[in-house]
Amino acid sequence: MSRMQLILLLTVNLLLFANCLYLFAIILAGFINRSRTDARQSDSPPRRLAVLIPAHNEELLIEGAIGSLIHQDYPKDLYTIFVVADNCTDNTASIAKSLGAQVITRTDKTKRGKGYALAKGIQHIFDLNRSRSQNSEPEYNFDLNRSRSQNSEPEYNLNQSQSQNPEPEYEAVVIIDADASCDPKLLWELSAVIGRNSPVAQALYLGSNPQESWRTRLQQIAWAIFNFLRPLGRSSLGFSSGLLGNGMCFHLSLFKTIPWEAFSITEDSEFAIKLLLAGINVRFAPQARLYSQMAKTAAQASDQRLRWERGRSSLLKQFAPSLIKAALKGNLAALDQFLDLLTPPVTTLALAVLLVLGLDLFASPALSALPIASILLLASCLMMGMISIRAPLSLYLALLNLPVYILWRLSLKLINRKRTDQIQWTRTARHKTNVRRPT
């Protein structure tokens, strides 16, 4: 190889190693702090919550989600379940009504997607608050300028002005997916976090059906890394944990400062970045737990994975300049978010490292130390993820299917590159399963 080609190969090696090292550092921070999560403060008063479930043709699983919310260990008069029946053509709305949920019907064939459904639901809750308030608008005190300070903890006065209303206003909104199964203490834990100087929190969610196939077993390992250790690590280091779309909790005053205007195919990540750029970090609440169904077949998982990867690419293009600008001003959380968008999933990263290792062994064996070190870092991330959820033997055995899974992910990458159309939001195909009840 020529000198320039060797320099290029070295550069690629260094970039991949940097990606792996960054991911390892974040996962390690989460792994170290996994047993130091905040316990709910017994003196935290429960808040009045609006639980919002966006649902598009979810008749198969909506009953389980609402059922797990009905059985919450939380004062029944302090939370209400709302279901946004978004462009539904099945029995989602009637099932939700029969279970006691309040149904918000939305029909719009042009503005489709979860982001629009959430906007409809949030606006409905604000309208309810406005109708209950003696004033034209509920009063909230939200010190955004203080939250932007890097040298102090953000201060939020999360108490509404006292008014003699016959029915109190909602203070926060919790967003739950229609296929979720919630831990009985989910609302207590989220309410406590929102009450401790944080206007936004993200719960931990894992798969409800990890034993259905080798694919779901591998996904459970991935979720342990990316839904547990990664947000915990980022939050432990003082960064924003990010939002995962399911198990999100927002104090309603937040939307008066930063309205919900996230309508991309990865609306949760989009809004988390907007919050970060406004100086607001998402606090991770791993003690608040819920479980969602994982795709058990390639057909079910393909559209979801394509949507996520296309969405991350779009977010990188949209927010990279703003994140870099903020990072150059000393905002480490913005730097972390930029690096997070640059870092591909573990399987994609592993495949790239293996390909570069092959080139190194052919062109310059001395360079192979870098990809070997990268592989060790990624393997460590896998092991930390499995240890963190006390993975059974079946999950370790599922690692034997990693080569097949990596090849499948590579095929999706190729499909994604060839597609020039805009990927629209589509609901992941559901199936009946024996939902894992949280303990």
Protein backbone atom coordinates (compact mmCIF):
# COMPACT_ATOMS: atom_id res chain seq x y z
CA MET A 1 0.00 0.00 0.00
CA SER A 2 1.08 3.56 -0.61
CA ARG A 3 1.90 5.92 2.22
CA MET A 4 -1.35 7.84 1.74
CA GLN A 5 -3.36 4.63 1.85
CA LEU A 6 -1.65 3.63 5.10
CA ILE A 7 -2.41 7.04 6.59
CA LEU A 8 -6.04 6.67 5.56
CA LEU A 9 -6.21 3.18 7.07
CA LEU A 10 -4.63 4.45 10.30
CA THR A 11 -7.19 7.25 10.44
CA VAL A 12 -10.07 4.79 10.06
CA ASN A 13 -8.54 2.61 12.79
CA LEU A 14 -8.27 5.57 15.15
CA LEU A 15 -11.83 6.74 14.47
CA LEU A 16 -13.27 3.29 15.14
CA PHE A 17 -11.19 2.91 18.28
CA ALA A 18 -12.37 6.34 19.48
CA ASN A 19 -15.99 5.27 18.91
CA CYS A 20 -15.46 2.06 20.87
CA LEU A 21 -13.60 3.85 23.66
CA TYR A 22 -16.37 6.44 24.01
CA LEU A 23 -19.05 3.75 24.15
CA PHE A 24 -17.02 1.73 26.65
CA ALA A 25 -16.52 4.76 28.92
CA ILE A 26 -20.24 5.54 28.99
CA ILE A 27 -21.24 1.91 29.57
CA LEU A 28 -18.60 1.51 32.29
CA ALA A 29 -19.92 4.60 34.09
CA GLY A 30 -23.39 3.08 34.03
CA PHE A 31 -22.11 -0.32 35.14
CA ILE A 32 -20.27 1.17 38.12
CA ASN A 33 -23.33 3.16 39.18
CA ARG A 34 -25.96 0.48 38.51
CA SER A 35 -26.44 -0.23 42.23
CA ARG A 36 -26.32 3.42 43.28
CA THR A 37 -29.58 4.53 41.76
CA ASP A 38 -31.66 7.05 43.69
CA ALA A 39 -34.26 5.52 45.93
CA ARG A 40 -37.66 7.16 46.05
CA GLN A 41 -37.84 9.72 48.82
CA SER A 42 -40.58 8.72 51.21
CA ASP A 43 -41.51 12.37 51.80
CA SER A 44 -42.02 13.14 48.10
CA PRO A 45 -45.69 14.07 47.71
CA PRO A 46 -47.45 12.31 44.85
CA ARG A 47 -48.25 14.54 41.89
CA ARG A 48 -51.34 14.60 39.76
CA LEU A 49 -50.37 12.78 36.58
CA ALA A 50 -51.83 12.45 33.11
CA VAL A 51 -50.75 9.14 31.59
CA LEU A 52 -50.76 9.42 27.81
CA ILE A 53 -50.80 6.39 25.50
CA PRO A 54 -50.43 7.11 21.76
CA ALA A 55 -52.04 4.21 19.90
CA HIS A 56 -52.47 3.34 16.24
CA ASN A 57 -54.42 0.09 15.70
CA GLU A 58 -53.29 -1.41 19.00
CA GLU A 59 -56.33 -3.57 19.83
CA LEU A 60 -54.08 -6.60 20.30
CA LEU A 61 -52.06 -5.23 23.25
CA ILE A 62 -53.73 -2.05 24.53
CA GLU A 63 -55.63 -3.98 27.20
CA GLY A 64 -52.39 -5.16 28.79
CA ALA A 65 -50.92 -1.65 28.89
CA ILE A 66 -54.02 -0.11 30.46
CA GLY A 67 -54.34 -3.05 32.86
CA SER A 68 -50.81 -2.55 34.18
CA LEU A 69 -51.60 1.14 34.71
CA ILE A 70 -54.88 0.43 36.49
CA HIS A 71 -52.99 -1.71 39.00
CA GLN A 72 -50.39 0.94 39.82
CA ASP A 73 -49.35 1.37 43.45
CA TYR A 74 -50.33 5.04 43.26
CA PRO A 75 -53.33 7.03 44.57
CA LYS A 76 -56.12 6.33 42.09
CA ASP A 77 -57.46 9.87 42.29
CA LEU A 78 -54.10 11.33 41.27
CA TYR A 79 -53.74 9.92 37.78
CA THR A 80 -55.85 9.59 34.67
CA ILE A 81 -55.20 7.37 31.66
CA PHE A 82 -55.62 9.00 28.25
CA VAL A 83 -55.41 7.06 24.99
CA VAL A 84 -54.85 8.96 21.73
CA ALA A 85 -56.55 6.76 19.13
CA ASP A 86 -54.49 7.95 16.19
CA ASN A 87 -55.93 7.15 12.73
CA CYS A 88 -57.29 3.89 14.14
CA THR A 89 -59.35 1.53 11.99
CA ASP A 90 -59.73 -1.21 14.61
CA ASN A 91 -61.23 -1.50 18.09
CA THR A 92 -58.48 0.34 19.99
CA ALA A 93 -60.77 3.20 21.07
CA SER A 94 -63.66 1.01 22.21
CA ILE A 95 -61.37 -1.31 24.19
CA ALA A 96 -59.70 1.66 25.90
CA LYS A 97 -63.08 3.18 26.79
CA SER A 98 -64.35 -0.10 28.19
CA LEU A 99 -61.35 -0.20 30.53
CA GLY A 100 -62.02 3.30 31.84
CA ALA A 101 -59.45 5.28 29.85
CA GLN A 102 -60.34 8.64 28.38
CA VAL A 103 -60.04 8.44 24.60
CA ILE A 104 -58.82 11.27 22.39
CA THR A 105 -59.60 10.55 18.75
CA ARG A 106 -57.31 11.92 16.07
CA THR A 107 -57.81 11.51 12.32
CA ASP A 108 -55.32 13.12 9.94
CA LYS A 109 -54.11 11.17 6.91
CA THR A 110 -51.38 13.69 6.04
CA LYS A 111 -49.79 14.34 9.44
CA ARG A 112 -49.06 10.80 10.54
CA GLY A 113 -46.83 9.54 13.30
CA LYS A 114 -46.33 9.30 17.03
CA GLY A 115 -45.10 12.89 17.33
CA TYR A 116 -48.41 14.27 16.07
CA ALA A 117 -50.37 11.95 18.36
CA LEU A 118 -48.36 13.17 21.35
CA ALA A 119 -48.90 16.81 20.37
CA LYS A 120 -52.65 16.17 20.26
CA GLY A 121 -52.63 14.50 23.67
CA ILE A 122 -50.47 17.15 25.34
CA GLN A 123 -52.67 19.93 23.97
CA HIS A 124 -55.75 18.11 25.28
CA ILE A 125 -54.25 17.96 28.77
CA PHE A 126 -53.38 21.66 28.66
CA ASP A 127 -56.96 22.42 27.59
CA LEU A 128 -58.28 20.43 30.56
CA ASN A 129 -55.99 22.35 32.91
CA ARG A 130 -57.09 25.65 31.42
CA SER A 131 -60.74 24.79 31.91
CA ARG A 132 -60.08 23.93 35.56
CA SER A 133 -58.02 27.01 36.34
CA GLN A 134 -59.58 30.12 37.80
CA ASN A 135 -57.14 32.07 35.68
CA SER A 136 -56.87 31.96 31.90
CA GLU A 137 -53.75 29.83 32.23
CA PRO A 138 -52.17 27.83 35.07
CA GLU A 139 -49.21 29.51 36.70
CA TYR A 140 -45.90 27.66 36.71
CA ASN A 141 -42.48 28.88 37.71
CA PHE A 142 -39.76 27.42 35.53
CA ASP A 143 -36.33 29.03 35.78
CA LEU A 144 -34.88 28.18 32.37
CA ASN A 145 -32.01 30.66 32.65
CA ARG A 146 -30.80 29.04 35.87
CA SER A 147 -30.95 25.61 34.23
CA ARG A 148 -28.48 26.73 31.59
CA SER A 149 -25.78 27.39 34.16
CA GLN A 150 -23.05 24.79 34.09
CA ASN A 151 -21.85 25.61 37.59
CA SER A 152 -25.07 24.94 39.45
CA GLU A 153 -27.84 22.41 39.66
CA PRO A 154 -30.96 23.56 37.77
CA GLU A 155 -33.65 24.87 40.08
CA TYR A 156 -37.27 24.34 39.26
CA ASN A 157 -40.24 25.42 41.30
CA LEU A 158 -42.53 22.59 40.37
CA ASN A 159 -45.42 23.67 42.59
CA GLN A 160 -48.42 25.24 40.94
CA SER A 161 -49.99 28.35 42.38
CA GLN A 162 -52.55 27.40 44.96
CA SER A 163 -56.12 27.87 43.83
CA GLN A 164 -59.37 26.59 45.26
CA ASN A 165 -60.27 24.41 42.30
CA PRO A 166 -62.82 21.64 42.77
CA GLU A 167 -60.54 19.41 40.72
CA PRO A 168 -56.77 20.04 40.68
CA GLU A 169 -54.79 20.47 37.51
CA TYR A 170 -52.43 17.89 36.07
CA GLU A 171 -48.82 18.61 36.99
CA ALA A 172 -46.97 16.16 34.76
CA VAL A 173 -47.56 13.87 31.81
CA VAL A 174 -46.22 10.31 31.56
CA ILE A 175 -45.97 8.82 28.07
CA ILE A 176 -46.37 5.06 27.72
CA ASP A 177 -46.36 2.91 24.58
CA ALA A 178 -49.46 0.85 23.84
CA ASP A 179 -47.55 -2.43 24.13
CA ALA A 180 -46.02 -1.63 27.51
CA SER A 181 -46.36 -3.53 30.76
CA CYS A 182 -45.63 -1.20 33.68
CA ASP A 183 -44.03 -2.01 37.00
CA PRO A 184 -46.57 -1.31 39.79
CA LYS A 185 -44.36 1.46 41.21
CA LEU A 186 -43.65 3.18 37.88
CA LEU A 187 -45.78 6.26 38.56
CA TRP A 188 -44.48 6.64 42.12
CA GLU A 189 -40.89 6.61 40.96
CA LEU A 190 -41.42 9.02 38.07
CA SER A 191 -43.40 11.39 40.29
CA ALA A 192 -40.56 11.38 42.82
CA VAL A 193 -37.92 12.18 40.17
CA ILE A 194 -40.02 15.01 38.73
CA GLY A 195 -40.30 16.33 42.28
CA ARG A 196 -36.53 16.46 42.79
CA ASN A 197 -35.41 19.45 40.72
CA SER A 198 -35.89 17.81 37.34
CA PRO A 199 -38.60 18.70 34.80
CA VAL A 200 -38.09 15.61 32.63
CA ALA A 201 -37.26 11.98 33.38
CA GLN A 202 -36.81 8.75 31.46
CA ALA A 203 -37.74 5.37 32.92
CA LEU A 204 -35.89 2.12 32.27
CA TYR A 205 -37.56 -0.22 29.86
CA LEU A 206 -36.54 -3.67 28.75
CA GLY A 207 -38.14 -6.41 26.68
CA SER A 208 -41.22 -8.25 27.90
CA ASN A 209 -40.58 -11.30 25.71
CA PRO A 210 -36.83 -12.07 25.77
CA GLN A 211 -37.28 -15.84 25.51
CA GLU A 212 -39.44 -15.92 22.35
CA SER A 213 -36.55 -16.36 19.90
CA TRP A 214 -32.80 -16.02 19.58
CA ARG A 215 -33.45 -12.58 18.08
CA THR A 216 -35.33 -11.34 21.15
CA ARG A 217 -32.59 -12.73 23.40
CA LEU A 218 -29.97 -10.70 21.52
CA GLN A 219 -32.23 -7.65 21.60
CA GLN A 220 -32.55 -7.96 25.36
CA ILE A 221 -28.77 -7.79 25.64
CA ALA A 222 -28.72 -4.74 23.37
CA TRP A 223 -31.48 -3.08 25.40
CA ALA A 224 -29.55 -3.77 28.61
CA ILE A 225 -26.67 -1.80 27.10
CA PHE A 226 -28.54 0.99 25.33
CA ASN A 227 -31.69 1.33 27.46
CA PHE A 228 -30.05 0.80 30.86
CA LEU A 229 -26.29 1.22 31.12
CA ARG A 230 -25.86 3.91 28.46
CA PRO A 231 -28.49 6.37 29.81
CA LEU A 232 -27.42 5.59 33.38
CA GLY A 233 -23.79 6.26 32.47
CA ARG A 234 -24.59 9.51 30.70
CA SER A 235 -26.77 10.69 33.56
CA SER A 236 -24.13 9.69 36.13
CA LEU A 237 -21.55 11.80 34.31
CA GLY A 238 -23.81 14.84 34.38
CA PHE A 239 -25.02 14.57 30.79
CA SER A 240 -28.52 14.14 29.43
CA SER A 241 -29.64 10.52 29.48
CA GLY A 242 -31.73 11.09 26.36
CA LEU A 243 -35.30 9.97 25.75
CA LEU A 244 -36.33 6.48 24.68
CA GLY A 245 -39.91 7.15 23.57
CA ASN A 246 -41.47 4.89 26.20
CA GLY A 247 -41.64 5.74 29.90
CA MET A 248 -41.00 9.46 29.43
CA CYS A 249 -42.22 11.93 32.07
CA PHE A 250 -42.48 15.71 31.64
CA HIS A 251 -43.57 18.42 34.01
CA LEU A 252 -46.23 20.31 32.07
CA SER A 253 -44.53 23.66 32.67
CA LEU A 254 -41.76 22.45 30.38
CA PHE A 255 -44.01 22.56 27.32
CA LYS A 256 -44.85 26.20 27.94
CA THR A 257 -41.16 26.99 27.49
CA ILE A 258 -40.32 24.39 24.86
CA PRO A 259 -43.46 23.22 23.02
CA TRP A 260 -43.69 19.67 21.72
CA GLU A 261 -42.78 20.19 18.07
CA ALA A 262 -40.98 16.91 17.38
CA PHE A 263 -42.53 15.21 14.37
CA SER A 264 -39.65 13.24 12.84
CA ILE A 265 -39.52 9.44 12.73
CA THR A 266 -37.33 9.57 15.86
CA GLU A 267 -39.37 12.18 17.71
CA ASP A 268 -38.09 11.20 21.16
CA SER A 269 -34.42 11.77 20.31
CA GLU A 270 -35.30 14.95 18.44
CA PHE A 271 -37.04 16.45 21.46
CA ALA A 272 -34.25 15.34 23.83
CA ILE A 273 -31.71 17.23 21.71
CA LYS A 274 -33.92 20.32 21.67
CA LEU A 275 -34.09 20.15 25.46
CA LEU A 276 -30.33 19.75 25.72
CA LEU A 277 -29.68 22.76 23.49
CA ALA A 278 -32.01 24.73 25.77
CA GLY A 279 -29.91 23.72 28.76
CA ILE A 280 -32.16 20.97 30.10
CA ASN A 281 -30.82 17.48 30.72
CA VAL A 282 -33.06 14.43 30.92
CA ARG A 283 -32.66 12.59 34.22
CA PHE A 284 -32.59 8.80 34.01
CA ALA A 285 -34.83 6.99 36.50
CA PRO A 286 -33.81 3.29 36.42
CA GLN A 287 -35.91 2.55 39.50
CA ALA A 288 -38.98 3.33 37.36
CA ARG A 289 -39.45 0.32 35.10
CA LEU A 290 -41.63 -0.90 32.28
CA TYR A 291 -41.42 -3.59 29.64
CA SER A 292 -42.28 -3.58 25.94
CA GLN A 293 -42.64 -6.22 23.28
CA MET A 294 -39.60 -6.91 21.12
CA ALA A 295 -39.83 -7.98 17.48
CA LYS A 296 -39.27 -11.73 17.31
CA THR A 297 -38.79 -12.06 13.53
CA ALA A 298 -36.65 -10.29 10.94
CA ALA A 299 -39.77 -9.08 9.15
CA GLN A 300 -41.08 -7.39 12.30
CA ALA A 301 -37.72 -5.84 13.15
CA SER A 302 -36.63 -4.61 9.70
CA ASP A 303 -38.93 -1.59 9.32
CA GLN A 304 -38.27 -0.51 12.89
CA ARG A 305 -34.51 -0.75 12.49
CA LEU A 306 -34.54 1.07 9.15
CA ARG A 307 -36.61 3.84 10.70
CA TRP A 308 -34.26 4.22 13.65
CA GLU A 309 -31.12 4.32 11.54
CA ARG A 310 -32.56 6.75 9.00
CA GLY A 311 -33.84 8.87 11.87
CA ARG A 312 -30.45 9.06 13.56
CA SER A 313 -28.81 10.10 10.30
CA SER A 314 -31.38 12.86 9.87
CA LEU A 315 -30.83 14.08 13.42
CA LEU A 316 -27.08 14.21 12.88
CA LYS A 317 -27.54 16.36 9.78
CA GLN A 318 -30.06 18.59 11.51
CA PHE A 319 -28.36 19.15 14.86
CA ALA A 320 -24.63 18.60 14.29
CA PRO A 321 -23.84 22.33 13.74
CA SER A 322 -25.73 23.39 16.88
CA LEU A 323 -24.22 20.62 19.00
CA ILE A 324 -20.68 21.37 17.82
CA LYS A 325 -21.19 25.08 18.47
CA ALA A 326 -22.44 24.37 21.99
CA ALA A 327 -19.60 21.91 22.63
CA LEU A 328 -17.01 24.50 21.58
CA LYS A 329 -18.48 26.80 24.21
CA GLY A 330 -17.74 24.19 26.86
CA ASN A 331 -21.05 22.32 26.95
CA LEU A 332 -19.90 18.76 27.62
CA ALA A 333 -23.45 17.42 27.42
CA ALA A 334 -23.66 18.71 23.84
CA LEU A 335 -20.34 17.03 23.03
CA ASP A 336 -21.64 13.79 24.49
CA GLN A 337 -24.81 14.03 22.40
CA PHE A 338 -22.81 14.67 19.24
CA LEU A 339 -20.58 11.67 19.92
CA ASP A 340 -23.65 9.57 20.68
CA LEU A 341 -25.16 10.41 17.27
CA LEU A 342 -21.85 9.54 15.61
CA THR A 343 -21.58 6.16 17.33
CA PRO A 344 -23.32 3.35 15.43
CA PRO A 345 -24.98 0.37 17.15
CA VAL A 346 -22.67 -2.24 18.67
CA THR A 347 -23.24 -4.80 15.90
CA THR A 348 -22.54 -2.27 13.14
CA LEU A 349 -19.47 -1.04 14.98
CA ALA A 350 -18.26 -4.62 15.48
CA LEU A 351 -18.68 -5.40 11.79
CA ALA A 352 -16.73 -2.30 10.79
CA VAL A 353 -13.94 -3.18 13.23
CA LEU A 354 -13.71 -6.74 11.88
CA LEU A 355 -13.50 -5.50 8.29
CA VAL A 356 -10.75 -3.05 9.19
CA LEU A 357 -8.91 -5.78 11.11
CA GLY A 358 -8.87 -7.86 7.93
CA LEU A 359 -7.41 -4.93 5.99
CA ASP A 360 -4.82 -4.34 8.70
CA LEU A 361 -3.64 -7.95 8.68
CA PHE A 362 -3.28 -7.77 4.91
CA ALA A 363 -1.71 -4.31 4.59
CA SER A 364 0.02 -3.54 7.87
CA PRO A 365 -0.18 -6.08 10.72
CA ALA A 366 1.23 -3.52 13.14
CA LEU A 367 -2.05 -1.60 12.92
CA SER A 368 -4.09 -4.63 14.02
CA ALA A 369 -3.53 -3.75 17.68
CA LEU A 370 -6.14 -0.99 17.40
CA PRO A 371 -9.04 -3.11 16.07
CA ILE A 372 -8.16 -5.91 18.51
CA ALA A 373 -8.37 -3.39 21.35
CA SER A 374 -11.68 -2.17 19.91
CA ILE A 375 -13.07 -5.72 19.86
CA LEU A 376 -12.08 -6.17 23.51
CA LEU A 377 -13.85 -2.92 24.42
CA LEU A 378 -17.03 -4.00 22.62
CA ALA A 379 -16.90 -7.45 24.21
CA SER A 380 -16.61 -5.76 27.60
CA CYS A 381 -19.73 -3.71 26.83
CA LEU A 382 -21.62 -6.90 26.02
CA MET A 383 -20.53 -8.58 29.23
CA MET A 384 -21.40 -5.55 31.36
CA GLY A 385 -24.85 -5.43 29.77
CA MET A 386 -25.49 -9.10 30.50
CA ILE A 387 -24.22 -8.91 34.06
CA SER A 388 -26.34 -5.81 34.73
CA ILE A 389 -29.59 -7.70 34.02
CA ARG A 390 -28.39 -10.99 35.50
CA ALA A 391 -28.78 -12.67 32.15
CA PRO A 392 -29.73 -16.36 32.23
CA LEU A 393 -27.74 -18.99 30.34
CA SER A 394 -30.09 -18.75 27.34
CA LEU A 395 -28.94 -15.18 26.66
CA TYR A 396 -25.29 -16.22 26.72
CA LEU A 397 -26.06 -19.05 24.29
CA ALA A 398 -27.86 -16.57 22.03
CA LEU A 399 -24.49 -14.94 21.35
CA LEU A 400 -23.78 -17.89 19.04
CA ASN A 401 -26.27 -16.27 16.64
CA LEU A 402 -24.36 -12.99 16.54
CA PRO A 403 -22.80 -13.66 13.10
CA VAL A 404 -26.26 -14.18 11.57
CA TYR A 405 -27.56 -11.07 13.33
CA ILE A 406 -24.62 -8.96 12.13
CA LEU A 407 -25.14 -10.10 8.54
CA TRP A 408 -28.82 -9.19 8.81
CA ARG A 409 -27.88 -5.74 10.08
CA LEU A 410 -25.44 -5.36 7.19
CA SER A 411 -28.21 -6.17 4.71
CA LEU A 412 -30.36 -3.46 6.30
CA LYS A 413 -27.50 -1.00 5.90
CA LEU A 414 -27.33 -1.79 2.20
CA ILE A 415 -31.10 -1.47 1.83
CA ASN A 416 -31.03 1.84 3.68
CA ARG A 417 -28.35 3.20 1.33
CA LYS A 418 -30.31 2.21 -1.77
CA ARG A 419 -33.55 3.73 -0.55
CA THR A 420 -34.01 7.32 -1.62
CA ASP A 421 -37.61 7.64 -0.47
CA GLN A 422 -38.54 9.21 2.82
CA ILE A 423 -39.20 6.53 5.42
CA GLN A 424 -42.52 7.18 7.11
CA TRP A 425 -43.48 6.25 10.64
CA THR A 426 -45.09 2.82 10.75
CA ARG A 427 -46.22 0.84 13.75
CA THR A 428 -44.10 -2.22 14.45
CA ALA A 429 -46.11 -5.39 13.86
CA ARG A 430 -47.48 -6.83 17.11
CA HIS A 431 -48.15 -10.37 18.21
CA LYS A 432 -49.76 -11.98 21.21
CA THR A 433 -47.25 -13.07 23.79
CA ASN A 434 -47.01 -14.06 27.40
CA VAL A 435 -46.06 -10.66 28.74
CA ARG A 436 -43.43 -10.70 31.46
CA ARG A 437 -45.03 -9.22 34.54
CA PRO A 438 -42.56 -6.98 36.38
CA THR A 439 -41.58 -7.94 39.87
